[in-house]
Amino acid sequence: MSENSPLVRVHVNIELSAASLQAVVAQTKKKAGPDEKGRYRVDTADALASLISRFLREKGFDEFVEDGDNY
């Protein structure tokens, strides 16, 4: 696939470990910090989506899906 191929957003169900999800929540909250009332105003689902998207781009997901042996 071309690196210039447009990106599309898809909503999917994935399986990941509870520890991974806990790490995403903890790191996202740590990065954002609490507001004046001590609340964390972050969207951890968006953070997780960004992390997974970046991982797929960096690790060659386009090439992975082209290989029929992966199915």
PDB file of N, CA and C in Angstrom:
ATOM      1  N   MET A   1       0.829  -1.178   0.000  1.00  0.00           N
ATOM      2  CA  MET A   1       0.000   0.000   0.000  1.00  0.00           C
ATOM      3  C   MET A   1       0.873   1.241   0.000  1.00  0.00           C
ATOM      4  N   SER A   2       0.337   2.251  -0.566  1.00  0.00           N
ATOM      5  CA  SER A   2       1.053   3.510  -0.649  1.00  0.00           C
ATOM      6  C   SER A   2       1.057   4.217   0.694  1.00  0.00           C
ATOM      7  N   GLU A   3       2.179   4.858   0.996  1.00  0.00           N
ATOM      8  CA  GLU A   3       2.238   5.635   2.222  1.00  0.00           C
ATOM      9  C   GLU A   3       1.345   6.859   2.144  1.00  0.00           C
ATOM     10  N   ASN A   4       0.921   7.224   0.939  1.00  0.00           N
ATOM     11  CA  ASN A   4       0.053   8.377   0.744  1.00  0.00           C
ATOM     12  C   ASN A   4      -1.420   7.990   0.744  1.00  0.00           C
ATOM     13  N   SER A   5      -1.718   6.745   1.032  1.00  0.00           N
ATOM     14  CA  SER A   5      -3.093   6.282   1.072  1.00  0.00           C
ATOM     15  C   SER A   5      -3.848   7.032   2.165  1.00  0.00           C
ATOM     16  N   PRO A   6      -5.075   7.481   1.873  1.00  0.00           N
ATOM     17  CA  PRO A   6      -5.819   8.220   2.905  1.00  0.00           C
ATOM     18  C   PRO A   6      -6.143   7.325   4.097  1.00  0.00           C
ATOM     19  N   LEU A   7      -6.216   7.948   5.240  1.00  0.00           N
ATOM     20  CA  LEU A   7      -6.572   7.227   6.459  1.00  0.00           C
ATOM     21  C   LEU A   7      -8.068   7.338   6.685  1.00  0.00           C
ATOM     22  N   VAL A   8      -8.659   6.276   7.188  1.00  0.00           N
ATOM     23  CA  VAL A   8     -10.070   6.274   7.551  1.00  0.00           C
ATOM     24  C   VAL A   8     -10.175   5.830   9.006  1.00  0.00           C
ATOM     25  N   ARG A   9     -11.172   6.326   9.689  1.00  0.00           N
ATOM     26  CA  ARG A   9     -11.382   5.940  11.090  1.00  0.00           C
ATOM     27  C   ARG A   9     -12.395   4.809  11.117  1.00  0.00           C
ATOM     28  N   VAL A  10     -12.041   3.714  11.787  1.00  0.00           N
ATOM     29  CA  VAL A  10     -12.962   2.598  11.962  1.00  0.00           C
ATOM     30  C   VAL A  10     -13.113   2.333  13.457  1.00  0.00           C
ATOM     31  N   HIS A  11     -14.271   1.905  13.825  1.00  0.00           N
ATOM     32  CA  HIS A  11     -14.533   1.550  15.218  1.00  0.00           C
ATOM     33  C   HIS A  11     -14.609   0.031  15.277  1.00  0.00           C
ATOM     34  N   VAL A  12     -13.737  -0.553  16.073  1.00  0.00           N
ATOM     35  CA  VAL A  12     -13.637  -2.004  16.151  1.00  0.00           C
ATOM     36  C   VAL A  12     -13.580  -2.445  17.606  1.00  0.00           C
ATOM     37  N   ASN A  13     -13.827  -3.700  17.808  1.00  0.00           N
ATOM     38  CA  ASN A  13     -13.628  -4.314  19.114  1.00  0.00           C
ATOM     39  C   ASN A  13     -12.302  -5.051  19.063  1.00  0.00           C
ATOM     40  N   ILE A  14     -11.457  -4.817  20.046  1.00  0.00           N
ATOM     41  CA  ILE A  14     -10.170  -5.495  20.107  1.00  0.00           C
ATOM     42  C   ILE A  14     -10.000  -6.109  21.480  1.00  0.00           C
ATOM     43  N   GLU A  15      -9.094  -7.046  21.560  1.00  0.00           N
ATOM     44  CA  GLU A  15      -8.754  -7.645  22.843  1.00  0.00           C
ATOM     45  C   GLU A  15      -7.373  -7.155  23.236  1.00  0.00           C
ATOM     46  N   LEU A  16      -7.253  -6.658  24.457  1.00  0.00           N
ATOM     47  CA  LEU A  16      -5.960  -6.291  25.008  1.00  0.00           C
ATOM     48  C   LEU A  16      -6.001  -6.596  26.486  1.00  0.00           C
ATOM     49  N   SER A  17      -4.845  -6.703  27.065  1.00  0.00           N
ATOM     50  CA  SER A  17      -4.798  -7.087  28.476  1.00  0.00           C
ATOM     51  C   SER A  17      -5.302  -5.950  29.357  1.00  0.00           C
ATOM     52  N   ALA A  18      -5.832  -6.346  30.498  1.00  0.00           N
ATOM     53  CA  ALA A  18      -6.281  -5.352  31.472  1.00  0.00           C
ATOM     54  C   ALA A  18      -5.108  -4.485  31.913  1.00  0.00           C
ATOM     55  N   ALA A  19      -3.925  -5.083  32.018  1.00  0.00           N
ATOM     56  CA  ALA A  19      -2.735  -4.332  32.423  1.00  0.00           C
ATOM     57  C   ALA A  19      -2.400  -3.241  31.404  1.00  0.00           C
ATOM     58  N   SER A  20      -2.557  -3.541  30.119  1.00  0.00           N
ATOM     59  CA  SER A  20      -2.297  -2.537  29.088  1.00  0.00           C
ATOM     60  C   SER A  20      -3.284  -1.381  29.204  1.00  0.00           C
ATOM     61  N   LEU A  21      -4.548  -1.703  29.391  1.00  0.00           N
ATOM     62  CA  LEU A  21      -5.557  -0.658  29.529  1.00  0.00           C
ATOM     63  C   LEU A  21      -5.308   0.187  30.776  1.00  0.00           C
ATOM     64  N   GLN A  22      -4.935  -0.453  31.872  1.00  0.00           N
ATOM     65  CA  GLN A  22      -4.621   0.279  33.093  1.00  0.00           C
ATOM     66  C   GLN A  22      -3.436   1.213  32.870  1.00  0.00           C
ATOM     67  N   ALA A  23      -2.435   0.757  32.130  1.00  0.00           N
ATOM     68  CA  ALA A  23      -1.270   1.593  31.847  1.00  0.00           C
ATOM     69  C   ALA A  23      -1.651   2.805  31.004  1.00  0.00           C
ATOM     70  N   VAL A  24      -2.511   2.607  30.017  1.00  0.00           N
ATOM     71  CA  VAL A  24      -2.957   3.724  29.179  1.00  0.00           C
ATOM     72  C   VAL A  24      -3.693   4.748  30.035  1.00  0.00           C
ATOM     73  N   VAL A  25      -4.594   4.297  30.881  1.00  0.00           N
ATOM     74  CA  VAL A  25      -5.350   5.209  31.740  1.00  0.00           C
ATOM     75  C   VAL A  25      -4.397   5.952  32.673  1.00  0.00           C
ATOM     76  N   ALA A  26      -3.487   5.241  33.311  1.00  0.00           N
ATOM     77  CA  ALA A  26      -2.568   5.870  34.262  1.00  0.00           C
ATOM     78  C   ALA A  26      -1.657   6.884  33.572  1.00  0.00           C
ATOM     79  N   GLN A  27      -1.098   6.510  32.432  1.00  0.00           N
ATOM     80  CA  GLN A  27      -0.177   7.405  31.735  1.00  0.00           C
ATOM     81  C   GLN A  27      -0.896   8.623  31.175  1.00  0.00           C
ATOM     82  N   THR A  28      -2.110   8.436  30.682  1.00  0.00           N
ATOM     83  CA  THR A  28      -2.885   9.546  30.138  1.00  0.00           C
ATOM     84  C   THR A  28      -3.255  10.530  31.243  1.00  0.00           C
ATOM     85  N   LYS A  29      -3.694  10.005  32.383  1.00  0.00           N
ATOM     86  CA  LYS A  29      -4.028  10.868  33.510  1.00  0.00           C
ATOM     87  C   LYS A  29      -2.787  11.598  34.017  1.00  0.00           C
ATOM     88  N   LYS A  30      -1.662  10.903  34.073  1.00  0.00           N
ATOM     89  CA  LYS A  30      -0.413  11.501  34.537  1.00  0.00           C
ATOM     90  C   LYS A  30      -0.005  12.653  33.624  1.00  0.00           C
ATOM     91  N   LYS A  31      -0.139  12.445  32.326  1.00  0.00           N
ATOM     92  CA  LYS A  31       0.248  13.470  31.361  1.00  0.00           C
ATOM     93  C   LYS A  31      -0.681  14.688  31.434  1.00  0.00           C
ATOM     94  N   ALA A  32      -1.963  14.448  31.599  1.00  0.00           N
ATOM     95  CA  ALA A  32      -2.936  15.540  31.624  1.00  0.00           C
ATOM     96  C   ALA A  32      -2.921  16.292  32.947  1.00  0.00           C
ATOM     97  N   GLY A  33      -2.782  15.573  34.035  1.00  0.00           N
ATOM     98  CA  GLY A  33      -2.839  16.198  35.351  1.00  0.00           C
ATOM     99  C   GLY A  33      -4.267  16.556  35.726  1.00  0.00           C
ATOM    100  N   PRO A  34      -4.494  16.743  37.011  1.00  0.00           N
ATOM    101  CA  PRO A  34      -5.843  17.082  37.485  1.00  0.00           C
ATOM    102  C   PRO A  34      -6.165  18.557  37.264  1.00  0.00           C
ATOM    103  N   ASP A  35      -7.467  18.848  37.177  1.00  0.00           N
ATOM    104  CA  ASP A  35      -7.890  20.255  37.098  1.00  0.00           C
ATOM    105  C   ASP A  35      -7.919  20.837  38.509  1.00  0.00           C
ATOM    106  N   GLU A  36      -8.432  22.048  38.642  1.00  0.00           N
ATOM    107  CA  GLU A  36      -8.437  22.722  39.950  1.00  0.00           C
ATOM    108  C   GLU A  36      -9.271  22.001  41.001  1.00  0.00           C
ATOM    109  N   LYS A  37     -10.205  21.159  40.558  1.00  0.00           N
ATOM    110  CA  LYS A  37     -11.032  20.392  41.496  1.00  0.00           C
ATOM    111  C   LYS A  37     -10.502  18.977  41.728  1.00  0.00           C
ATOM    112  N   GLY A  38      -9.343  18.689  41.147  1.00  0.00           N
ATOM    113  CA  GLY A  38      -8.743  17.370  41.319  1.00  0.00           C
ATOM    114  C   GLY A  38      -9.255  16.322  40.360  1.00  0.00           C
ATOM    115  N   ARG A  39     -10.037  16.738  39.361  1.00  0.00           N
ATOM    116  CA  ARG A  39     -10.580  15.801  38.379  1.00  0.00           C
ATOM    117  C   ARG A  39      -9.670  15.733  37.149  1.00  0.00           C
ATOM    118  N   TYR A  40      -9.663  14.592  36.542  1.00  0.00           N
ATOM    119  CA  TYR A  40      -8.877  14.396  35.321  1.00  0.00           C
ATOM    120  C   TYR A  40      -9.808  14.495  34.123  1.00  0.00           C
ATOM    121  N   ARG A  41      -9.573  15.464  33.277  1.00  0.00           N
ATOM    122  CA  ARG A  41     -10.408  15.688  32.092  1.00  0.00           C
ATOM    123  C   ARG A  41      -9.678  15.169  30.866  1.00  0.00           C
ATOM    124  N   VAL A  42      -9.678  13.869  30.712  1.00  0.00           N
ATOM    125  CA  VAL A  42      -9.004  13.243  29.580  1.00  0.00           C
ATOM    126  C   VAL A  42      -9.914  12.188  28.968  1.00  0.00           C
ATOM    127  N   ASP A  43      -9.738  11.961  27.698  1.00  0.00           N
ATOM    128  CA  ASP A  43     -10.478  10.898  27.017  1.00  0.00           C
ATOM    129  C   ASP A  43      -9.504   9.756  26.775  1.00  0.00           C
ATOM    130  N   THR A  44      -9.542   8.783  27.667  1.00  0.00           N
ATOM    131  CA  THR A  44      -8.589   7.678  27.555  1.00  0.00           C
ATOM    132  C   THR A  44      -8.873   6.804  26.337  1.00  0.00           C
ATOM    133  N   ALA A  45     -10.114   6.780  25.876  1.00  0.00           N
ATOM    134  CA  ALA A  45     -10.423   6.015  24.656  1.00  0.00           C
ATOM    135  C   ALA A  45      -9.717   6.641  23.455  1.00  0.00           C
ATOM    136  N   ASP A  46      -9.714   7.972  23.365  1.00  0.00           N
ATOM    137  CA  ASP A  46      -8.986   8.635  22.280  1.00  0.00           C
ATOM    138  C   ASP A  46      -7.488   8.402  22.402  1.00  0.00           C
ATOM    139  N   ALA A  47      -6.983   8.416  23.616  1.00  0.00           N
ATOM    140  CA  ALA A  47      -5.556   8.155  23.828  1.00  0.00           C
ATOM    141  C   ALA A  47      -5.200   6.743  23.371  1.00  0.00           C
ATOM    142  N   LEU A  48      -6.030   5.784  23.714  1.00  0.00           N
ATOM    143  CA  LEU A  48      -5.791   4.405  23.303  1.00  0.00           C
ATOM    144  C   LEU A  48      -5.847   4.279  21.786  1.00  0.00           C
ATOM    145  N   ALA A  49      -6.830   4.912  21.155  1.00  0.00           N
ATOM    146  CA  ALA A  49      -6.939   4.869  19.696  1.00  0.00           C
ATOM    147  C   ALA A  49      -5.696   5.459  19.044  1.00  0.00           C
ATOM    148  N   SER A  50      -5.202   6.565  19.563  1.00  0.00           N
ATOM    149  CA  SER A  50      -3.996   7.185  19.004  1.00  0.00           C
ATOM    150  C   SER A  50      -2.783   6.286  19.162  1.00  0.00           C
ATOM    151  N   LEU A  51      -2.651   5.672  20.323  1.00  0.00           N
ATOM    152  CA  LEU A  51      -1.523   4.766  20.549  1.00  0.00           C
ATOM    153  C   LEU A  51      -1.546   3.574  19.591  1.00  0.00           C
ATOM    154  N   ILE A  52      -2.722   2.968  19.458  1.00  0.00           N
ATOM    155  CA  ILE A  52      -2.834   1.800  18.576  1.00  0.00           C
ATOM    156  C   ILE A  52      -2.598   2.200  17.124  1.00  0.00           C
ATOM    157  N   SER A  53      -3.157   3.331  16.707  1.00  0.00           N
ATOM    158  CA  SER A  53      -2.953   3.800  15.333  1.00  0.00           C
ATOM    159  C   SER A  53      -1.474   4.045  15.053  1.00  0.00           C
ATOM    160  N   ARG A  54      -0.794   4.705  15.985  1.00  0.00           N
ATOM    161  CA  ARG A  54       0.634   4.968  15.794  1.00  0.00           C
ATOM    162  C   ARG A  54       1.419   3.661  15.748  1.00  0.00           C
ATOM    163  N   PHE A  55       1.085   2.723  16.624  1.00  0.00           N
ATOM    164  CA  PHE A  55       1.754   1.420  16.636  1.00  0.00           C
ATOM    165  C   PHE A  55       1.583   0.709  15.295  1.00  0.00           C
ATOM    166  N   LEU A  56       0.366   0.711  14.766  1.00  0.00           N
ATOM    167  CA  LEU A  56       0.101   0.040  13.490  1.00  0.00           C
ATOM    168  C   LEU A  56       0.890   0.675  12.347  1.00  0.00           C
ATOM    169  N   ARG A  57       0.968   2.014  12.335  1.00  0.00           N
ATOM    170  CA  ARG A  57       1.750   2.699  11.299  1.00  0.00           C
ATOM    171  C   ARG A  57       3.228   2.362  11.414  1.00  0.00           C
ATOM    172  N   GLU A  58       3.758   2.437  12.620  1.00  0.00           N
ATOM    173  CA  GLU A  58       5.192   2.244  12.833  1.00  0.00           C
ATOM    174  C   GLU A  58       5.631   0.804  12.655  1.00  0.00           C
ATOM    175  N   LYS A  59       4.745  -0.135  12.901  1.00  0.00           N
ATOM    176  CA  LYS A  59       5.120  -1.555  12.844  1.00  0.00           C
ATOM    177  C   LYS A  59       4.735  -2.230  11.536  1.00  0.00           C
ATOM    178  N   GLY A  60       4.318  -1.462  10.532  1.00  0.00           N
ATOM    179  CA  GLY A  60       4.082  -2.022   9.207  1.00  0.00           C
ATOM    180  C   GLY A  60       2.806  -2.832   9.059  1.00  0.00           C
ATOM    181  N   PHE A  61       1.701  -2.345   9.584  1.00  0.00           N
ATOM    182  CA  PHE A  61       0.444  -3.076   9.482  1.00  0.00           C
ATOM    183  C   PHE A  61       0.005  -3.243   8.032  1.00  0.00           C
ATOM    184  N   ASP A  62       0.290  -2.254   7.177  1.00  0.00           N
ATOM    185  CA  ASP A  62      -0.083  -2.366   5.763  1.00  0.00           C
ATOM    186  C   ASP A  62       0.545  -3.609   5.131  1.00  0.00           C
ATOM    187  N   GLU A  63       1.816  -3.842   5.400  1.00  0.00           N
ATOM    188  CA  GLU A  63       2.489  -5.022   4.862  1.00  0.00           C
ATOM    189  C   GLU A  63       1.939  -6.304   5.486  1.00  0.00           C
ATOM    190  N   PHE A  64       1.630  -6.246   6.772  1.00  0.00           N
ATOM    191  CA  PHE A  64       1.111  -7.410   7.484  1.00  0.00           C
ATOM    192  C   PHE A  64      -0.203  -7.882   6.852  1.00  0.00           C
ATOM    193  N   VAL A  65      -1.104  -6.956   6.525  1.00  0.00           N
ATOM    194  CA  VAL A  65      -2.401  -7.354   5.979  1.00  0.00           C
ATOM    195  C   VAL A  65      -2.305  -7.822   4.536  1.00  0.00           C
ATOM    196  N   GLU A  66      -1.251  -7.449   3.846  1.00  0.00           N
ATOM    197  CA  GLU A  66      -1.064  -7.918   2.460  1.00  0.00           C
ATOM    198  C   GLU A  66      -0.646  -9.373   2.403  1.00  0.00           C
ATOM    199  N   ASP A  67      -0.115  -9.920   3.489  1.00  0.00           N
ATOM    200  CA  ASP A  67       0.352 -11.299   3.524  1.00  0.00           C
ATOM    201  C   ASP A  67      -0.811 -12.235   3.865  1.00  0.00           C
ATOM    202  N   GLY A  68      -1.232 -13.011   2.898  1.00  0.00           N
ATOM    203  CA  GLY A  68      -2.361 -13.920   3.076  1.00  0.00           C
ATOM    204  C   GLY A  68      -2.149 -14.960   4.169  1.00  0.00           C
ATOM    205  N   ASP A  69      -0.904 -15.251   4.520  1.00  0.00           N
ATOM    206  CA  ASP A  69      -0.628 -16.230   5.583  1.00  0.00           C
ATOM    207  C   ASP A  69      -1.047 -15.717   6.963  1.00  0.00           C
ATOM    208  N   ASN A  70      -1.302 -14.429   7.095  1.00  0.00           N
ATOM    209  CA  ASN A  70      -1.698 -13.877   8.387  1.00  0.00           C
ATOM    210  C   ASN A  70      -3.188 -14.023   8.669  1.00  0.00           C
ATOM    211  N   TYR A  71      -3.903 -14.628   7.760  1.00  0.00           N
ATOM    212  CA  TYR A  71      -5.347 -14.781   7.939  1.00  0.00           C
ATOM    213  C   TYR A  71      -5.700 -16.199   8.286  1.00  0.00           C
TER     214      TYR A  71
END
